Amino acid sequence: MSHDSVWGSRPHGYGKGARQCRICNHRAGLIRKYSLELCRQCFREQASRIGFIKYR
């Protein structure tokens, strides 16, 4: 059995592997608060459009 046939062979129903950014499908740096489900890079790009205001 090679590595290619095993990699991603089972679905992830929980944990970090189960969630991804809704814009770029990236799995790291995910912001889940308020059900945003955005990675931090996409959040910085979209924050003003969503309605977040930077105070400092």
N, C-alpha and C. Protein backbone atom coordinates (compact mmCIF):
# COMPACT_ATOMS: atom_id res chain seq x y z
N MET A 1 0.84 -1.17 0.00
CA MET A 1 0.00 0.00 0.00
C MET A 1 0.89 1.24 0.00
N SER A 2 0.74 2.07 -0.98
CA SER A 2 1.59 3.26 -1.08
C SER A 2 0.99 4.42 -0.29
N HIS A 3 1.79 5.42 -0.11
CA HIS A 3 1.35 6.60 0.64
C HIS A 3 0.22 7.33 -0.09
N ASP A 4 0.25 7.35 -1.41
CA ASP A 4 -0.77 8.05 -2.19
C ASP A 4 -2.16 7.44 -2.01
N SER A 5 -2.22 6.14 -1.87
CA SER A 5 -3.52 5.50 -1.73
C SER A 5 -4.09 5.65 -0.32
N VAL A 6 -3.24 5.91 0.66
CA VAL A 6 -3.69 6.05 2.04
C VAL A 6 -4.01 7.50 2.38
N TRP A 7 -3.30 8.45 1.80
CA TRP A 7 -3.43 9.86 2.14
C TRP A 7 -4.84 10.36 1.80
N GLY A 8 -5.56 10.84 2.79
CA GLY A 8 -6.90 11.37 2.58
C GLY A 8 -7.92 10.29 2.28
N SER A 9 -7.66 9.07 2.74
CA SER A 9 -8.53 7.96 2.38
C SER A 9 -9.80 7.89 3.22
N ARG A 10 -9.80 8.55 4.36
CA ARG A 10 -11.02 8.51 5.17
C ARG A 10 -11.52 9.93 5.42
N PRO A 11 -12.81 10.11 5.49
CA PRO A 11 -13.36 11.45 5.74
C PRO A 11 -13.14 11.86 7.20
N HIS A 12 -12.91 13.13 7.41
CA HIS A 12 -12.71 13.66 8.76
C HIS A 12 -14.00 14.34 9.20
N GLY A 13 -14.61 13.83 10.25
CA GLY A 13 -15.86 14.38 10.74
C GLY A 13 -15.70 15.35 11.89
N TYR A 14 -14.50 15.40 12.47
CA TYR A 14 -14.26 16.29 13.59
C TYR A 14 -12.78 16.67 13.60
N GLY A 15 -12.46 17.72 14.34
CA GLY A 15 -11.08 18.17 14.44
C GLY A 15 -10.73 19.17 13.35
N LYS A 16 -9.43 19.50 13.27
CA LYS A 16 -8.98 20.51 12.32
C LYS A 16 -9.15 20.07 10.87
N GLY A 17 -9.10 18.78 10.63
CA GLY A 17 -9.25 18.28 9.27
C GLY A 17 -10.65 18.38 8.72
N ALA A 18 -11.63 18.62 9.60
CA ALA A 18 -13.02 18.67 9.17
C ALA A 18 -13.45 20.07 8.75
N ARG A 19 -12.66 21.09 9.13
CA ARG A 19 -13.07 22.47 8.87
C ARG A 19 -12.08 23.15 7.94
N GLN A 20 -12.59 24.06 7.13
CA GLN A 20 -11.73 24.81 6.22
C GLN A 20 -12.35 26.18 5.96
N CYS A 21 -11.54 27.08 5.46
CA CYS A 21 -11.99 28.43 5.13
C CYS A 21 -13.03 28.36 4.02
N ARG A 22 -14.09 29.14 4.15
CA ARG A 22 -15.14 29.08 3.13
C ARG A 22 -14.77 29.83 1.85
N ILE A 23 -13.68 30.61 1.87
CA ILE A 23 -13.25 31.32 0.66
C ILE A 23 -12.13 30.56 -0.06
N CYS A 24 -11.05 30.24 0.67
CA CYS A 24 -9.88 29.66 0.01
C CYS A 24 -9.63 28.19 0.35
N ASN A 25 -10.48 27.60 1.19
CA ASN A 25 -10.37 26.19 1.59
C ASN A 25 -9.10 25.86 2.37
N HIS A 26 -8.46 26.87 2.96
CA HIS A 26 -7.27 26.67 3.79
C HIS A 26 -7.71 26.15 5.15
N ARG A 27 -6.91 25.29 5.77
CA ARG A 27 -7.30 24.67 7.03
C ARG A 27 -6.66 25.30 8.27
N ALA A 28 -5.57 26.04 8.10
CA ALA A 28 -4.85 26.60 9.25
C ALA A 28 -5.31 28.04 9.53
N GLY A 29 -5.23 28.46 10.78
CA GLY A 29 -5.55 29.82 11.16
C GLY A 29 -7.02 30.15 11.01
N LEU A 30 -7.89 29.20 11.28
CA LEU A 30 -9.31 29.36 11.05
C LEU A 30 -9.97 30.15 12.17
N ILE A 31 -10.78 31.14 11.81
CA ILE A 31 -11.55 31.93 12.77
C ILE A 31 -12.98 31.40 12.73
N ARG A 32 -13.39 30.76 13.82
CA ARG A 32 -14.70 30.13 13.88
C ARG A 32 -15.70 30.95 14.68
N LYS A 33 -15.24 31.99 15.37
CA LYS A 33 -16.12 32.79 16.21
C LYS A 33 -17.19 33.45 15.36
N TYR A 34 -18.40 33.52 15.88
CA TYR A 34 -19.58 34.05 15.18
C TYR A 34 -19.87 33.27 13.90
N SER A 35 -19.42 32.02 13.83
CA SER A 35 -19.63 31.14 12.66
C SER A 35 -19.05 31.74 11.39
N LEU A 36 -17.90 32.43 11.51
CA LEU A 36 -17.26 33.02 10.34
C LEU A 36 -16.67 31.96 9.43
N GLU A 37 -15.95 30.99 10.02
CA GLU A 37 -15.30 29.92 9.26
C GLU A 37 -14.39 30.48 8.15
N LEU A 38 -13.58 31.50 8.51
CA LEU A 38 -12.62 32.11 7.58
C LEU A 38 -11.22 31.94 8.13
N CYS A 39 -10.23 31.76 7.26
CA CYS A 39 -8.85 31.77 7.73
C CYS A 39 -8.48 33.23 8.01
N ARG A 40 -7.42 33.42 8.78
CA ARG A 40 -7.08 34.78 9.20
C ARG A 40 -6.70 35.68 8.04
N GLN A 41 -6.10 35.12 6.98
CA GLN A 41 -5.74 35.93 5.83
C GLN A 41 -6.98 36.45 5.11
N CYS A 42 -7.95 35.57 4.90
CA CYS A 42 -9.19 35.99 4.23
C CYS A 42 -9.99 36.93 5.12
N PHE A 43 -9.93 36.74 6.44
CA PHE A 43 -10.63 37.64 7.34
C PHE A 43 -10.09 39.06 7.23
N ARG A 44 -8.77 39.20 7.15
CA ARG A 44 -8.18 40.54 7.02
C ARG A 44 -8.61 41.21 5.73
N GLU A 45 -8.75 40.44 4.66
CA GLU A 45 -9.17 41.00 3.38
C GLU A 45 -10.65 41.38 3.38
N GLN A 46 -11.47 40.62 4.07
CA GLN A 46 -12.92 40.77 4.00
C GLN A 46 -13.54 41.47 5.21
N ALA A 47 -12.74 41.83 6.23
CA ALA A 47 -13.28 42.32 7.50
C ALA A 47 -14.15 43.56 7.33
N SER A 48 -13.71 44.53 6.57
CA SER A 48 -14.51 45.76 6.42
C SER A 48 -15.80 45.49 5.66
N ARG A 49 -15.76 44.60 4.70
CA ARG A 49 -16.96 44.27 3.93
C ARG A 49 -17.99 43.54 4.80
N ILE A 50 -17.50 42.73 5.74
CA ILE A 50 -18.39 42.00 6.64
C ILE A 50 -18.99 42.94 7.68
N GLY A 51 -18.25 43.99 8.05
CA GLY A 51 -18.77 44.94 9.02
C GLY A 51 -17.92 45.09 10.27
N PHE A 52 -16.73 44.52 10.29
CA PHE A 52 -15.82 44.66 11.42
C PHE A 52 -15.04 45.95 11.27
N ILE A 53 -14.84 46.64 12.39
CA ILE A 53 -14.14 47.93 12.40
C ILE A 53 -12.89 47.79 13.26
N LYS A 54 -11.76 48.24 12.75
CA LYS A 54 -10.51 48.21 13.50
C LYS A 54 -10.41 49.51 14.30
N TYR A 55 -10.32 49.40 15.63
CA TYR A 55 -10.29 50.57 16.49
C TYR A 55 -8.89 51.06 16.78
N ARG A 56 -7.88 50.23 16.67
CA ARG A 56 -6.51 50.65 16.95
C ARG A 56 -5.67 50.55 15.73
